[in-house]
Structures are given as C-alpha cells and as structure tokens.
Amino acid sequence: MTDLFETITKADERKAAWPFPSDRKRAERAALERMTSDAAKNAAIASSAAADRSAIPLNERCKSCFFKGREECLCDTEFANPEYAEVGTPTCNTNILALDLGTTMGWALGLRDGKLRSGTESFAARRNEGPGQRWLKFQAWLGQQYTSAGELQAIYYELVMAHGTKDNPNTLAAHVYGGFEAFLQAFADRNRIRLIGVAVGTIKKSATGKGNAKKEQVIAAMRARGHRVIDDNHGDALALLGYARQREA
C-alpha cells in the first residue's frame, strides 16, 4: 500500500512540475508548439488554395497561379472540361471514348468522374513490319484504353462517308479508314460497347456552330475551351467527345 501511495505521489509531483519544466523540456515544448502552429497554417493555406482553385473556371486555371508550380498545365488530364457537369451528375456518368479514325488517330477518353485524357496515337507500320501490324496495334491499343477506363459504355467515332473529292477520290485513305472501322466494330461487339458514328458536319457544327468549319476553326474552338490541342486529329476527337457528352446527358 505504501509503495502504491509513493508511486501516485511521484506521478502527481511530475504533473505538478510540468508548468515549471527544465530548459530541455521547455525547448522541446516550444518546438512542438511551433510544429503544431506550422501544420495548422499549412492546412489553412491548402484549404484556401483549394477554395480559390475551385472558383476559377477550368479554361482559365492554366493561367492562374495554381498551375505556375507545375511543369505543364494538366487541364485535359486531371479535370473535367468546364462546359460539362460536375462529378456525380448524369453528364459524367458514362465512360466515352471518342476517335478520329486514321493512321494518326486523334482520341479523347472522357470518364464518368469528369476526368479527361486525350492525345494522338500513330499506327503507322515500321520498316520490316507486315501490313497487318497496323490492325494488331490498333486492337491492342483499344484494349489498353478499355482497361485504363475500367470499362467503356460508348465509343463515338467520326463517320466519314467519302475520301477525297468526287473527281479525285482517295482510294487508299478509304481502304485504311475501312480497316480501322471494321476492327473497331468487332471490338465494340466483342465487348458489348455501344458504337456511334457521327458525321463530320455534325461534329463541326457542335464545336463551332458551323457545319462547314475548317480544321483551324475547330482547333481554335477547342483551345477556347481550355484544351491543349496537338493537331487537327486531336482537335476533332475533343470536339467529338464534347458532342458525345452532350448527347449522353
């Protein structure tokens, strides 16, 4: 009993001594208080930055201070386009792959959480490769996009009815396009994905308001929405994804 009393007494003495610690204890306590204060300040700054960032329209974020610390603007890879609804709304409830079919293929992948990935992909055959490598690469690439998205509910592609002009048709381009379309149709059927072809004029009108808009006008319209457009193939795919998301909504 005496030992227990002595233990409790010593514990009380230590507690009572805390307001009057040694120099070492005071230094440790001061350091701990500084760390706590710095952590609280950093949390407040981060919260304020997030609030400021959410208030900036997406197509202006790349011009804001928030992105000045990055090596490049990530508008097209991390965030939803401003014209579309926020996460959880019907507009973002479908994973859509938009394709501008061709050897240099423009593509845009819009995810249900509002994120967007896009770019161009080359399926040109290398030296000593057989002619079938183009289609094998395309099939493998489609599988990669499907896997990266988790699943795809719809694939939209630019439906081209004629290549070249009536007097000067481009037969080779038509053959290549037909090959891509055939393998895309097979992939969509095999994976039970809705496949929608959209006429060129419809895409242009959706993007620019004019069905006969030039490629430069489509690119300019996509850049006005905050996209970093690589080329006309990329611009067409982004415009097609915009049309698809509006339709799917």
Protein backbone atom coordinates (compact mmCIF):
# COMPACT_ATOMS: atom_id res chain seq x y z
CA MET A 1 0.00 0.00 0.00
CA THR A 2 2.86 2.32 0.88
CA ASP A 3 4.58 1.60 -2.43
CA LEU A 4 1.37 2.39 -4.32
CA PHE A 5 0.97 5.66 -2.42
CA GLU A 6 4.56 6.63 -3.19
CA THR A 7 4.04 5.84 -6.92
CA ILE A 8 0.90 8.02 -7.08
CA THR A 9 2.63 10.82 -5.17
CA LYS A 10 5.60 10.80 -7.55
CA ALA A 11 3.23 10.86 -10.56
CA ASP A 12 1.40 13.85 -9.08
CA GLU A 13 4.70 15.59 -8.45
CA ARG A 14 5.69 15.09 -12.08
CA LYS A 15 2.38 16.55 -13.23
CA ALA A 16 2.75 19.48 -10.92
CA ALA A 17 6.28 20.04 -12.14
CA TRP A 18 5.16 20.29 -15.82
CA PRO A 19 4.34 24.01 -15.64
CA PHE A 20 7.87 24.54 -14.42
CA PRO A 21 9.97 22.24 -16.66
CA SER A 22 13.67 22.15 -17.23
CA ASP A 23 15.32 24.09 -20.03
CA ARG A 24 15.37 20.94 -22.18
CA LYS A 25 11.67 20.36 -21.62
CA ARG A 26 10.86 23.97 -22.39
CA ALA A 27 12.82 23.77 -25.64
CA GLU A 28 11.02 20.54 -26.63
CA ARG A 29 7.65 22.05 -25.80
CA ALA A 30 8.41 25.20 -27.80
CA ALA A 31 9.48 23.11 -30.78
CA LEU A 32 6.27 21.06 -30.54
CA GLU A 33 4.15 24.20 -30.41
CA ARG A 34 5.93 25.60 -33.47
CA MET A 35 5.35 22.38 -35.40
CA THR A 36 1.66 22.36 -34.45
CA SER A 37 1.30 26.01 -35.42
CA ASP A 38 3.06 25.47 -38.78
CA ALA A 39 0.87 22.45 -39.54
CA ALA A 40 -2.28 24.46 -38.81
CA LYS A 41 -1.07 27.30 -41.03
CA ASN A 42 -0.25 24.92 -43.89
CA ALA A 43 -3.66 23.28 -43.60
CA ALA A 44 -5.34 26.69 -43.73
CA ILE A 45 -3.30 27.71 -46.78
CA ALA A 46 -4.10 24.45 -48.57
CA SER A 47 -7.79 24.82 -47.80
CA SER A 48 -7.78 28.39 -49.07
CA ALA A 49 -5.91 27.41 -52.23
CA ALA A 50 -8.38 24.62 -52.93
CA ALA A 51 -11.30 27.01 -52.49
CA ASP A 52 -9.68 29.58 -54.77
CA ARG A 53 -8.90 26.92 -57.36
CA SER A 54 -12.46 25.59 -57.40
CA ALA A 55 -13.71 29.12 -58.03
CA ILE A 56 -11.57 29.52 -61.16
CA PRO A 57 -13.17 28.32 -64.41
CA LEU A 58 -11.22 25.36 -65.77
CA ASN A 59 -10.31 27.04 -69.04
CA GLU A 60 -8.63 29.80 -67.01
CA ARG A 61 -6.86 27.63 -64.46
CA CYS A 62 -3.81 27.15 -66.65
CA LYS A 63 -3.36 30.93 -66.45
CA SER A 64 -3.72 31.01 -62.68
CA CYS A 65 -1.06 30.82 -60.00
CA PHE A 66 -2.19 27.34 -59.10
CA PHE A 67 -0.56 25.89 -62.20
CA LYS A 68 2.56 28.02 -62.16
CA GLY A 69 4.24 25.45 -59.95
CA ARG A 70 3.69 22.69 -62.49
CA GLU A 71 5.85 21.83 -65.47
CA GLU A 72 2.72 21.82 -67.65
CA CYS A 73 -0.97 22.52 -67.43
CA LEU A 74 -2.93 19.38 -66.64
CA CYS A 75 -6.40 20.64 -67.55
CA ASP A 76 -7.00 17.92 -70.12
CA THR A 77 -5.69 15.07 -68.00
CA GLU A 78 -6.93 15.65 -64.47
CA PHE A 79 -10.10 17.69 -64.58
CA ALA A 80 -13.43 17.87 -66.34
CA ASN A 81 -13.99 20.38 -69.08
CA PRO A 82 -15.91 23.43 -67.71
CA GLU A 83 -18.78 23.05 -70.13
CA TYR A 84 -19.65 19.70 -68.61
CA ALA A 85 -21.33 18.98 -65.31
CA GLU A 86 -19.55 18.23 -62.05
CA VAL A 87 -18.71 14.78 -60.72
CA GLY A 88 -21.76 12.67 -59.93
CA THR A 89 -24.12 14.35 -62.37
CA PRO A 90 -25.62 12.47 -65.34
CA THR A 91 -23.18 14.11 -67.76
CA CYS A 92 -20.24 12.38 -66.05
CA ASN A 93 -21.96 9.01 -65.57
CA THR A 94 -20.61 7.39 -68.73
CA ASN A 95 -17.12 6.42 -69.87
CA ILE A 96 -16.83 7.53 -73.50
CA LEU A 97 -14.01 7.03 -75.99
CA ALA A 98 -14.06 9.42 -78.97
CA LEU A 99 -11.97 8.57 -82.04
CA ASP A 100 -10.91 10.34 -85.20
CA LEU A 101 -10.02 7.21 -87.17
CA GLY A 102 -6.83 7.20 -89.19
CA THR A 103 -3.20 6.12 -89.16
CA THR A 104 -2.51 9.12 -86.91
CA MET A 105 -5.55 8.80 -84.71
CA GLY A 106 -6.94 11.54 -82.52
CA TRP A 107 -8.57 10.24 -79.36
CA ALA A 108 -10.28 11.56 -76.24
CA LEU A 109 -11.37 9.49 -73.27
CA GLY A 110 -13.98 11.05 -71.01
CA LEU A 111 -14.52 9.26 -67.71
CA ARG A 112 -17.64 9.15 -65.58
CA ASP A 113 -15.91 11.06 -62.76
CA GLY A 114 -15.38 14.01 -65.10
CA LYS A 115 -11.70 13.42 -65.85
CA LEU A 116 -10.44 13.56 -69.40
CA ARG A 117 -7.43 12.08 -71.20
CA SER A 118 -6.67 12.78 -74.82
CA GLY A 119 -3.99 12.89 -77.48
CA THR A 120 -2.95 11.27 -80.75
CA GLU A 121 -1.67 7.77 -81.49
CA SER A 122 0.25 6.63 -84.56
CA PHE A 123 -0.42 3.19 -86.04
CA ALA A 124 1.95 3.55 -88.97
CA ALA A 125 3.80 0.34 -89.82
CA ARG A 126 7.53 0.32 -89.14
CA ARG A 127 10.18 -0.95 -91.50
CA ASN A 128 10.08 -4.74 -91.95
CA GLU A 129 6.64 -4.97 -90.34
CA GLY A 130 3.83 -6.73 -92.16
CA PRO A 131 0.72 -4.84 -93.29
CA GLY A 132 -1.34 -6.48 -90.55
CA GLN A 133 0.67 -4.84 -87.76
CA ARG A 134 -1.40 -1.67 -88.11
CA TRP A 135 -4.56 -3.52 -87.10
CA LEU A 136 -2.89 -5.58 -84.38
CA LYS A 137 -1.55 -2.40 -82.79
CA PHE A 138 -4.98 -0.80 -83.01
CA GLN A 139 -6.62 -3.78 -81.33
CA ALA A 140 -4.05 -3.78 -78.53
CA TRP A 141 -4.43 -0.03 -78.04
CA LEU A 142 -8.23 -0.31 -77.79
CA GLY A 143 -7.77 -2.95 -75.10
CA GLN A 144 -5.46 -0.64 -73.17
CA GLN A 145 -8.00 2.18 -73.28
CA TYR A 146 -10.74 -0.16 -72.10
CA THR A 147 -8.57 -1.37 -69.21
CA SER A 148 -7.47 2.12 -68.18
CA ALA A 149 -11.09 3.29 -68.04
CA GLY A 150 -12.27 0.23 -66.14
CA GLU A 151 -14.99 -0.19 -68.74
CA LEU A 152 -16.46 1.71 -71.69
CA GLN A 153 -20.15 2.38 -72.14
CA ALA A 154 -19.86 4.04 -75.55
CA ILE A 155 -17.41 4.66 -78.37
CA TYR A 156 -18.05 7.59 -80.72
CA TYR A 157 -16.11 7.88 -83.95
CA GLU A 158 -16.01 10.30 -86.85
CA LEU A 159 -18.09 8.80 -89.64
CA VAL A 160 -16.50 9.68 -92.97
CA MET A 161 -18.69 8.88 -95.99
CA ALA A 162 -16.19 9.81 -98.72
CA HIS A 163 -12.45 10.39 -99.01
CA GLY A 164 -11.09 12.94 -101.42
CA THR A 165 -13.37 14.59 -103.96
CA LYS A 166 -15.80 13.18 -106.49
CA ASP A 167 -13.36 13.86 -109.31
CA ASN A 168 -10.30 12.80 -107.35
CA PRO A 169 -11.21 10.14 -104.75
CA ASN A 170 -8.57 8.96 -102.29
CA THR A 171 -8.93 5.19 -102.56
CA LEU A 172 -6.00 4.34 -100.28
CA ALA A 173 -7.37 6.54 -97.47
CA ALA A 174 -10.77 4.92 -97.88
CA HIS A 175 -9.23 1.44 -97.57
CA VAL A 176 -7.30 2.40 -94.42
CA TYR A 177 -10.36 4.03 -92.84
CA GLY A 178 -12.46 0.96 -93.64
CA GLY A 179 -9.91 -1.26 -91.93
CA PHE A 180 -9.95 0.81 -88.76
CA GLU A 181 -13.75 0.91 -88.80
CA ALA A 182 -14.03 -2.86 -89.24
CA PHE A 183 -11.72 -3.64 -86.31
CA LEU A 184 -13.47 -1.02 -84.17
CA GLN A 185 -16.85 -2.61 -84.91
CA ALA A 186 -15.51 -6.04 -83.97
CA PHE A 187 -14.01 -4.70 -80.73
CA ALA A 188 -17.27 -2.97 -79.77
CA ASP A 189 -19.36 -6.08 -80.46
CA ARG A 190 -16.94 -8.36 -78.62
CA ASN A 191 -17.07 -6.14 -75.51
CA ARG A 192 -20.75 -5.16 -75.81
CA ILE A 193 -20.00 -1.44 -76.18
CA ARG A 194 -22.36 0.94 -77.95
CA LEU A 195 -20.73 2.23 -81.14
CA ILE A 196 -21.94 5.51 -82.62
CA GLY A 197 -20.70 7.07 -85.85
CA VAL A 198 -21.14 10.85 -86.12
CA ALA A 199 -20.98 12.76 -89.40
CA VAL A 200 -18.14 15.24 -89.85
CA GLY A 201 -20.53 18.18 -90.35
CA THR A 202 -22.39 17.36 -87.14
CA ILE A 203 -19.17 17.41 -85.13
CA LYS A 204 -18.04 20.70 -86.63
CA LYS A 205 -21.41 22.34 -86.03
CA SER A 206 -21.43 21.20 -82.41
CA ALA A 207 -17.94 22.62 -81.86
CA THR A 208 -18.08 25.86 -83.84
CA GLY A 209 -21.70 26.45 -84.81
CA LYS A 210 -20.88 25.86 -88.49
CA GLY A 211 -21.09 22.51 -90.23
CA ASN A 212 -18.52 23.51 -92.84
CA ALA A 213 -15.95 24.92 -90.41
CA LYS A 214 -12.28 24.49 -91.29
CA LYS A 215 -9.87 22.43 -89.23
CA GLU A 216 -8.24 25.58 -87.86
CA GLN A 217 -11.61 26.79 -86.58
CA VAL A 218 -12.25 23.51 -84.78
CA ILE A 219 -8.80 23.68 -83.18
CA ALA A 220 -9.43 27.28 -82.11
CA ALA A 221 -12.79 26.30 -80.59
CA MET A 222 -11.17 23.52 -78.56
CA ARG A 223 -8.40 25.79 -77.34
CA ALA A 224 -11.02 28.32 -76.29
CA ARG A 225 -12.45 25.61 -74.04
CA GLY A 226 -9.08 25.21 -72.34
CA HIS A 227 -7.70 22.20 -74.23
CA ARG A 228 -4.07 21.98 -75.32
CA VAL A 229 -4.63 20.76 -78.87
CA ILE A 230 -1.80 18.82 -80.54
CA ASP A 231 -3.11 18.80 -84.11
CA ASP A 232 -6.33 18.66 -86.12
CA ASN A 233 -6.81 14.95 -85.35
CA HIS A 234 -6.67 15.69 -81.63
CA GLY A 235 -8.98 18.68 -82.05
CA ASP A 236 -11.56 16.59 -83.92
CA ALA A 237 -11.54 13.93 -81.18
CA LEU A 238 -12.04 16.55 -78.46
CA ALA A 239 -14.89 18.12 -80.42
CA LEU A 240 -16.47 14.68 -80.87
CA LEU A 241 -16.20 13.94 -77.16
CA GLY A 242 -17.93 17.25 -76.43
CA TYR A 243 -20.78 16.28 -78.73
CA ALA A 244 -20.94 12.78 -77.20
CA ARG A 245 -21.13 14.05 -73.64
CA GLN A 246 -23.93 16.44 -74.50
CA ARG A 247 -25.83 13.64 -76.21
CA GLU A 248 -25.26 11.15 -73.39
CA ALA A 249 -26.53 13.67 -70.84
